[in-house]
């Protein structure tokens, strides 16, 4: 068990990430003086990550996993070995900025009903743009499709200060996610079966069902390289996005919606393959079909997980868009969050 000397453990899950550690770890360690411990989790990397950390970063704590358990499984295994008040899940390909941490910590300390939060996530290769992995906070539409302030589908907005406010959201980015350790464990942690993609959305949804709030913090910024493990647009990413989206709906949606929502999603997911068809991306079309077969083949598992979380009453779920983001984006041409008829809830 790793017992942190500070309230917060910044936990970096690493797989073949020596090149990112050389680039980004110096700033992360430098900023640790603001109040956090750094823990690197070596995910059975063949590139010598563990040796590099031990030889070059004596202040960094190290956990070595014997096999690659995926993003969700790796973090879940590691966080069970760390004792801290807060966890920050930080992907290895993230660059932090000066004083990125204090605003996150201050808000957590001030408002105990906030279970998880994220800073603004911007694109490392073009730092004026928001990035796919969370941007300025995540939302879900009425059919269960996810989008962000600052990024809807493939449209990235330029950061002009329009999302410098701090607001309640539906989900916070798993690339840089601060979460209360006790709330994390109460919600059951990250689901290893999800492996990668949307596992943080599942966690945030369960935290909201327990009565907590999820928040995007506008006065803290980090930068994400993106696609360094599973590349954007790859069939593998397509598979996990479609399969896991269906899985978290089964795990968290009210029963009254599920009987019609899942069949309807089968139709919508088929329609969503049209861009793949137009572009001749047959492997992505096959990945969508594979995702559905995988989902139905593991349905008993997702139903069992649904029963594990005991929720009292009917807590308010924030950050749900009551319209279809697919219709508004592709048909109504609303490609920026500010164009959507949605009210945000400010955090004071």
Protein backbone atom coordinates (compact mmCIF):
# COMPACT_ATOMS: atom_id res chain seq x y z
CA UNK A 1 0.00 0.00 0.00
CA UNK A 2 1.28 3.44 -0.96
CA UNK A 3 0.39 6.04 1.68
CA UNK A 4 0.62 9.56 0.32
CA UNK A 5 2.24 12.37 2.30
CA UNK A 6 -0.18 14.90 0.78
CA UNK A 7 -3.97 14.83 0.32
CA UNK A 8 -3.72 14.00 -3.39
CA UNK A 9 -2.16 11.24 -5.46
CA UNK A 10 -1.57 12.16 -9.10
CA UNK A 11 -1.66 8.69 -10.65
CA UNK A 12 -0.16 8.28 -14.12
CA UNK A 13 -1.01 5.04 -15.90
CA UNK A 14 1.89 4.24 -18.19
CA UNK A 15 2.25 1.84 -21.09
CA UNK A 16 5.34 2.25 -23.27
CA UNK A 17 5.37 5.89 -22.19
CA UNK A 18 9.04 6.64 -21.51
CA UNK A 19 9.00 9.24 -24.31
CA UNK A 20 6.06 11.04 -22.67
CA UNK A 21 7.64 10.85 -19.19
CA UNK A 22 10.81 12.47 -20.53
CA UNK A 23 8.71 15.25 -22.02
CA UNK A 24 6.02 15.85 -19.39
CA UNK A 25 7.11 14.39 -16.03
CA UNK A 26 9.54 17.22 -15.16
CA UNK A 27 6.70 19.77 -15.04
CA UNK A 28 4.39 17.38 -13.18
CA UNK A 29 7.04 16.76 -10.51
CA UNK A 30 7.95 20.44 -10.33
CA UNK A 31 4.32 21.37 -9.65
CA UNK A 32 3.99 18.64 -7.00
CA UNK A 33 5.19 21.17 -4.43
CA UNK A 34 1.68 22.69 -4.66
CA UNK A 35 0.37 19.72 -2.73
CA UNK A 36 0.35 16.30 -4.38
CA UNK A 37 2.31 13.05 -4.62
CA UNK A 38 3.17 11.56 -8.03
CA UNK A 39 2.58 7.86 -8.62
CA UNK A 40 3.49 6.17 -11.91
CA UNK A 41 1.78 2.87 -12.67
CA UNK A 42 3.87 0.77 -15.07
CA UNK A 43 1.43 -1.30 -17.07
CA UNK A 44 3.74 -4.21 -17.95
CA UNK A 45 5.55 -1.97 -20.43
CA UNK A 46 8.33 -3.56 -22.50
CA UNK A 47 10.06 -0.18 -23.03
CA UNK A 48 11.77 -0.05 -19.61
CA UNK A 49 9.39 2.41 -17.95
CA UNK A 50 9.93 1.03 -14.44
CA UNK A 51 13.73 1.23 -14.72
CA UNK A 52 13.53 4.75 -16.12
CA UNK A 53 11.35 5.98 -13.24
CA UNK A 54 13.48 4.31 -10.56
CA UNK A 55 16.72 5.66 -12.03
CA UNK A 56 15.63 9.22 -12.76
CA UNK A 57 12.76 10.15 -10.44
CA UNK A 58 13.42 9.15 -6.82
CA UNK A 59 10.51 11.28 -5.56
CA UNK A 60 8.01 9.46 -7.78
CA UNK A 61 6.27 6.45 -6.29
CA UNK A 62 6.04 3.39 -8.55
CA UNK A 63 3.52 0.59 -8.94
CA UNK A 64 4.35 -2.23 -11.36
CA UNK A 65 1.49 -4.30 -12.78
CA UNK A 66 2.29 -7.74 -14.13
CA UNK A 67 -0.01 -7.51 -17.15
CA UNK A 68 -1.81 -4.97 -19.30
CA UNK A 69 -5.33 -4.66 -17.87
CA UNK A 70 -6.49 -1.81 -20.09
CA UNK A 71 -7.14 1.75 -18.96
CA UNK A 72 -10.03 0.89 -16.64
CA UNK A 73 -8.53 -2.29 -15.22
CA UNK A 74 -5.08 -0.78 -14.77
CA UNK A 75 -6.34 2.22 -12.85
CA UNK A 76 -8.73 0.11 -10.80
CA UNK A 77 -5.91 -2.23 -9.74
CA UNK A 78 -3.57 0.66 -8.94
CA UNK A 79 -6.02 2.80 -6.97
CA UNK A 80 -6.71 -0.09 -4.63
CA UNK A 81 -3.05 0.17 -3.62
CA UNK A 82 -2.99 3.92 -2.92
CA UNK A 83 -4.15 5.69 0.22
CA UNK A 84 -5.04 9.35 -0.34
CA UNK A 85 -7.98 11.70 0.12
CA UNK A 86 -8.13 12.49 -3.60
CA UNK A 87 -6.96 10.76 -6.77
CA UNK A 88 -6.07 12.53 -10.00
CA UNK A 89 -6.06 10.14 -12.94
CA UNK A 90 -3.62 11.70 -15.39
CA UNK A 91 -2.76 10.03 -18.69
CA UNK A 92 0.95 9.90 -19.54
CA UNK A 93 0.54 12.03 -22.68
CA UNK A 94 -0.68 15.11 -20.78
CA UNK A 95 1.26 18.33 -20.23
CA UNK A 96 0.30 20.26 -17.10
CA UNK A 97 0.60 24.02 -16.71
CA UNK A 98 1.85 26.22 -13.88
CA UNK A 99 -0.65 26.20 -11.00
CA UNK A 100 -2.98 23.72 -12.73
CA UNK A 101 -3.60 21.88 -9.45
CA UNK A 102 -4.55 24.51 -6.79
CA UNK A 103 -7.94 25.48 -8.35
CA UNK A 104 -8.96 21.81 -8.50
CA UNK A 105 -7.96 21.14 -4.91
CA UNK A 106 -9.56 24.34 -3.59
CA UNK A 107 -12.92 23.50 -5.13
CA UNK A 108 -12.87 19.93 -3.82
CA UNK A 109 -12.09 21.17 -0.32
CA UNK A 110 -14.75 23.89 -0.43
CA UNK A 111 -17.65 21.78 -1.76
CA UNK A 112 -17.83 18.21 -0.40
CA UNK A 113 -20.76 17.28 -2.66
CA UNK A 114 -18.48 17.49 -5.69
CA UNK A 115 -17.15 13.98 -6.29
CA UNK A 116 -15.17 14.49 -9.50
CA UNK A 117 -13.90 17.32 -11.67
CA UNK A 118 -11.64 18.15 -14.58
CA UNK A 119 -9.67 21.17 -15.84
CA UNK A 120 -9.96 22.46 -19.39
CA UNK A 121 -8.37 19.91 -21.74
CA UNK A 122 -6.73 21.45 -24.79
CA UNK A 123 -4.89 20.05 -27.78
CA UNK A 124 -1.13 19.80 -27.29
CA UNK A 125 -0.37 19.98 -31.02
CA UNK A 126 -2.45 23.15 -31.45
CA UNK A 127 -2.83 24.80 -28.08
CA UNK A 128 -5.55 27.20 -29.14
CA UNK A 129 -7.97 24.31 -29.66
CA UNK A 130 -9.89 22.18 -27.22
CA UNK A 131 -9.15 18.45 -27.35
CA UNK A 132 -11.35 15.41 -27.93
CA UNK A 133 -10.77 13.87 -24.49
CA UNK A 134 -13.15 15.96 -22.42
CA UNK A 135 -12.56 19.52 -23.70
CA UNK A 136 -14.38 21.78 -21.20
CA UNK A 137 -16.67 19.15 -19.68
CA UNK A 138 -18.92 16.39 -20.95
CA UNK A 139 -22.66 16.07 -21.60
CA UNK A 140 -25.03 13.33 -22.78
CA UNK A 141 -28.01 13.74 -25.09
CA UNK A 142 -31.41 12.07 -24.71
CA UNK A 143 -30.35 9.03 -26.77
CA UNK A 144 -27.17 8.43 -24.80
CA UNK A 145 -24.64 10.05 -27.19
CA UNK A 146 -21.78 11.96 -25.57
CA UNK A 147 -20.36 15.38 -26.46
CA UNK A 148 -18.42 18.20 -24.81
CA UNK A 149 -18.29 21.92 -24.33
CA UNK A 150 -15.68 22.81 -26.91
CA UNK A 151 -15.95 19.59 -28.96
CA UNK A 152 -18.95 18.07 -30.69
CA UNK A 153 -18.07 14.99 -32.76
CA UNK A 154 -15.09 16.04 -34.93
CA UNK A 155 -15.54 19.80 -34.49
CA UNK A 156 -13.00 21.32 -32.12
CA UNK A 157 -13.55 24.88 -30.95
CA UNK A 158 -10.84 27.46 -30.46
CA UNK A 159 -10.45 28.52 -26.84
CA UNK A 160 -11.39 32.20 -26.70
CA UNK A 161 -12.25 32.20 -23.00
CA UNK A 162 -15.85 31.15 -23.65
CA UNK A 163 -15.54 28.24 -21.20
CA UNK A 164 -13.52 29.87 -18.46
CA UNK A 165 -16.45 29.48 -16.08
CA UNK A 166 -16.84 26.55 -13.69
CA UNK A 167 -20.01 24.53 -14.26
CA UNK A 168 -21.74 21.28 -13.38
CA UNK A 169 -21.50 18.68 -16.16
CA UNK A 170 -22.59 15.10 -16.81
CA UNK A 171 -19.07 13.65 -17.00
CA UNK A 172 -15.48 14.74 -16.55
CA UNK A 173 -12.53 13.63 -18.68
CA UNK A 174 -10.74 10.46 -17.61
CA UNK A 175 -7.54 11.87 -19.11
CA UNK A 176 -7.28 14.29 -16.18
CA UNK A 177 -9.89 13.35 -13.60
CA UNK A 178 -9.80 14.40 -9.94
CA UNK A 179 -12.04 12.24 -7.76
CA UNK A 180 -12.66 11.80 -4.05
CA UNK A 181 -11.17 8.48 -3.03
CA UNK A 182 -14.03 7.55 -0.71
CA UNK A 183 -16.64 8.40 -3.36
CA UNK A 184 -14.67 6.46 -5.98
CA UNK A 185 -14.74 3.32 -3.86
CA UNK A 186 -18.37 3.88 -2.83
CA UNK A 187 -19.38 3.95 -6.51
CA UNK A 188 -17.47 0.74 -7.19
CA UNK A 189 -14.53 2.29 -9.02
CA UNK A 190 -13.77 1.98 -12.72
CA UNK A 191 -15.28 -1.10 -14.36
CA UNK A 192 -12.38 -3.26 -15.72
CA UNK A 193 -14.75 -4.92 -18.21
CA UNK A 194 -15.03 -1.63 -20.09
CA UNK A 195 -11.26 -1.83 -20.72
CA UNK A 196 -10.92 1.57 -22.40
CA UNK A 197 -13.21 4.48 -23.40
CA UNK A 198 -16.23 5.79 -21.47
CA UNK A 199 -15.18 4.12 -18.22
CA UNK A 200 -14.96 7.59 -16.65
CA UNK A 201 -18.45 8.44 -17.94
CA UNK A 202 -19.79 5.31 -16.27
CA UNK A 203 -18.06 6.31 -13.02
CA UNK A 204 -19.35 9.90 -13.17
CA UNK A 205 -22.88 8.69 -13.87
CA UNK A 206 -22.76 6.37 -10.86
CA UNK A 207 -21.37 9.18 -8.70
CA UNK A 208 -24.28 11.41 -9.75
CA UNK A 209 -26.70 8.62 -8.93
CA UNK A 210 -25.21 8.64 -5.41
CA UNK A 211 -26.07 12.34 -5.12
CA UNK A 212 -22.72 13.92 -5.98
CA UNK A 213 -21.98 16.61 -8.57
CA UNK A 214 -19.47 16.45 -11.43
CA UNK A 215 -17.74 19.69 -12.41
CA UNK A 216 -15.61 21.25 -15.17
CA UNK A 217 -13.19 23.86 -13.79
CA UNK A 218 -12.53 26.80 -16.08
CA UNK A 219 -9.45 28.33 -14.41
CA UNK A 220 -7.18 25.30 -14.76
CA UNK A 221 -5.72 24.02 -18.04
CA UNK A 222 -3.85 20.93 -19.25
CA UNK A 223 -2.81 19.82 -22.74
CA UNK A 224 -3.34 16.38 -24.27
CA UNK A 225 -1.39 14.81 -27.12
CA UNK A 226 -4.22 12.33 -27.82
CA UNK A 227 -4.37 9.05 -29.70
CA UNK A 228 -1.02 7.87 -28.33
CA UNK A 229 -2.31 4.41 -27.34
CA UNK A 230 -5.48 3.87 -29.39
CA UNK A 231 -5.50 6.25 -32.34
CA UNK A 232 -8.50 8.43 -33.18
CA UNK A 233 -10.70 6.95 -35.90
CA UNK A 234 -9.25 3.45 -35.55
CA UNK A 235 -11.56 0.40 -35.65
CA UNK A 236 -10.40 -0.50 -32.14
CA UNK A 237 -11.53 2.88 -30.81
CA UNK A 238 -14.80 2.59 -32.75
CA UNK A 239 -15.44 -0.82 -31.19
CA UNK A 240 -14.95 0.35 -27.60
CA UNK A 241 -16.91 3.56 -28.08
CA UNK A 242 -19.98 1.77 -29.45
CA UNK A 243 -19.81 -1.29 -27.16
CA UNK A 244 -19.14 0.68 -23.99
CA UNK A 245 -21.77 3.29 -24.75
CA UNK A 246 -24.43 0.57 -24.80
CA UNK A 247 -22.96 -1.01 -21.66
CA UNK A 248 -23.12 2.14 -19.55
CA UNK A 249 -26.71 2.76 -20.65
CA UNK A 250 -27.65 -0.71 -19.38
CA UNK A 251 -25.78 -0.10 -16.14
CA UNK A 252 -27.25 3.31 -15.34
CA UNK A 253 -30.43 4.26 -17.24
CA UNK A 254 -33.78 4.02 -15.42
CA UNK A 255 -35.58 0.76 -16.18
CA UNK A 256 -38.54 2.52 -17.74
CA UNK A 257 -36.30 3.83 -20.57
CA UNK A 258 -34.27 0.73 -21.30
CA UNK A 259 -36.95 -1.41 -22.96
CA UNK A 260 -37.19 1.01 -25.90
CA UNK A 261 -33.85 2.85 -25.74
CA UNK A 262 -31.59 -0.12 -26.50
CA UNK A 263 -33.55 -1.27 -29.62
CA UNK A 264 -33.71 2.35 -30.77
CA UNK A 265 -29.97 2.68 -30.34
CA UNK A 266 -29.49 -0.39 -32.53
CA UNK A 267 -31.20 1.55 -35.33
CA UNK A 268 -29.37 4.81 -34.62
CA UNK A 269 -25.99 3.10 -34.49
CA UNK A 270 -26.71 1.61 -37.89
CA UNK A 271 -27.55 5.05 -39.28
CA UNK A 272 -24.36 6.44 -37.71
CA UNK A 273 -22.36 4.10 -39.94
CA UNK A 274 -23.32 6.09 -43.04
CA UNK A 275 -20.21 8.35 -42.83
CA UNK A 276 -18.05 5.20 -42.62
CA UNK A 277 -19.89 3.83 -45.67
CA UNK A 278 -19.42 7.03 -47.65
CA UNK A 279 -15.70 7.06 -46.85
CA UNK A 280 -15.30 3.35 -47.56
CA UNK A 281 -14.18 2.65 -43.98
CA UNK A 282 -15.29 -0.98 -43.95
CA UNK A 283 -13.23 -1.91 -40.91
CA UNK A 284 -15.05 0.71 -38.83
CA UNK A 285 -18.41 -0.63 -40.02
CA UNK A 286 -17.29 -4.12 -39.01
CA UNK A 287 -16.19 -2.71 -35.62
CA UNK A 288 -19.70 -1.33 -34.98
CA UNK A 289 -21.24 -4.73 -35.77
CA UNK A 290 -18.64 -6.43 -33.56
CA UNK A 291 -19.44 -3.98 -30.75
CA UNK A 292 -23.11 -4.92 -30.80
CA UNK A 293 -22.38 -8.65 -30.82
CA UNK A 294 -19.95 -8.18 -27.93
CA UNK A 295 -22.48 -6.13 -25.98
CA UNK A 296 -25.28 -8.67 -26.33
CA UNK A 297 -22.85 -11.51 -25.64
CA UNK A 298 -21.92 -9.96 -22.29
CA UNK A 299 -25.37 -8.61 -21.42
CA UNK A 300 -25.66 -10.73 -18.27
CA UNK A 301 -22.51 -9.08 -16.89
CA UNK A 302 -23.78 -5.54 -17.51
CA UNK A 303 -27.14 -6.38 -15.93
CA UNK A 304 -25.39 -7.82 -12.88
CA UNK A 305 -23.30 -4.64 -12.55
CA UNK A 306 -26.49 -2.60 -12.77
CA UNK A 307 -27.74 -4.26 -9.58
CA UNK A 308 -24.55 -3.62 -7.61
CA UNK A 309 -25.05 0.11 -7.00
CA UNK A 310 -27.63 0.79 -4.32
CA UNK A 311 -29.14 4.25 -4.73
CA UNK A 312 -31.55 5.92 -2.33
CA UNK A 313 -34.28 8.13 -3.79
CA UNK A 314 -34.06 9.82 -7.17
CA UNK A 315 -31.01 12.10 -7.22
CA UNK A 316 -30.82 14.88 -9.77
CA UNK A 317 -28.70 13.99 -12.80
CA UNK A 318 -27.05 17.08 -14.28
CA UNK A 319 -25.63 17.62 -17.75
CA UNK A 320 -28.23 15.77 -19.86
CA UNK A 321 -29.18 17.47 -23.12
CA UNK A 322 -32.89 16.96 -23.74
CA UNK A 323 -32.54 17.02 -27.54
CA UNK A 324 -30.64 14.86 -30.03
CA UNK A 325 -27.07 16.03 -30.52
CA UNK A 326 -26.91 13.96 -33.71
CA UNK A 327 -29.86 15.84 -35.25
CA UNK A 328 -28.65 19.23 -34.05
CA UNK A 329 -25.11 18.67 -35.32
CA UNK A 330 -25.67 16.96 -38.67
CA UNK A 331 -29.06 18.37 -39.70
CA UNK A 332 -29.40 21.68 -37.85
CA UNK A 333 -25.67 22.42 -38.30
CA UNK A 334 -25.10 23.40 -34.68
CA UNK A 335 -21.40 22.57 -34.40
CA UNK A 336 -20.53 24.65 -31.35
CA UNK A 337 -21.76 24.15 -27.80
CA UNK A 338 -22.80 27.80 -27.59
CA UNK A 339 -25.28 27.20 -30.45
CA UNK A 340 -27.18 24.56 -28.50
CA UNK A 341 -30.31 25.45 -26.49
CA UNK A 342 -28.83 24.22 -23.23
CA UNK A 343 -28.48 25.97 -19.87
CA UNK A 344 -25.33 25.44 -17.85
CA UNK A 345 -25.30 25.36 -14.06
CA UNK A 346 -22.57 27.61 -12.64
CA UNK A 347 -20.59 26.54 -9.58
CA UNK A 348 -19.91 29.35 -7.14
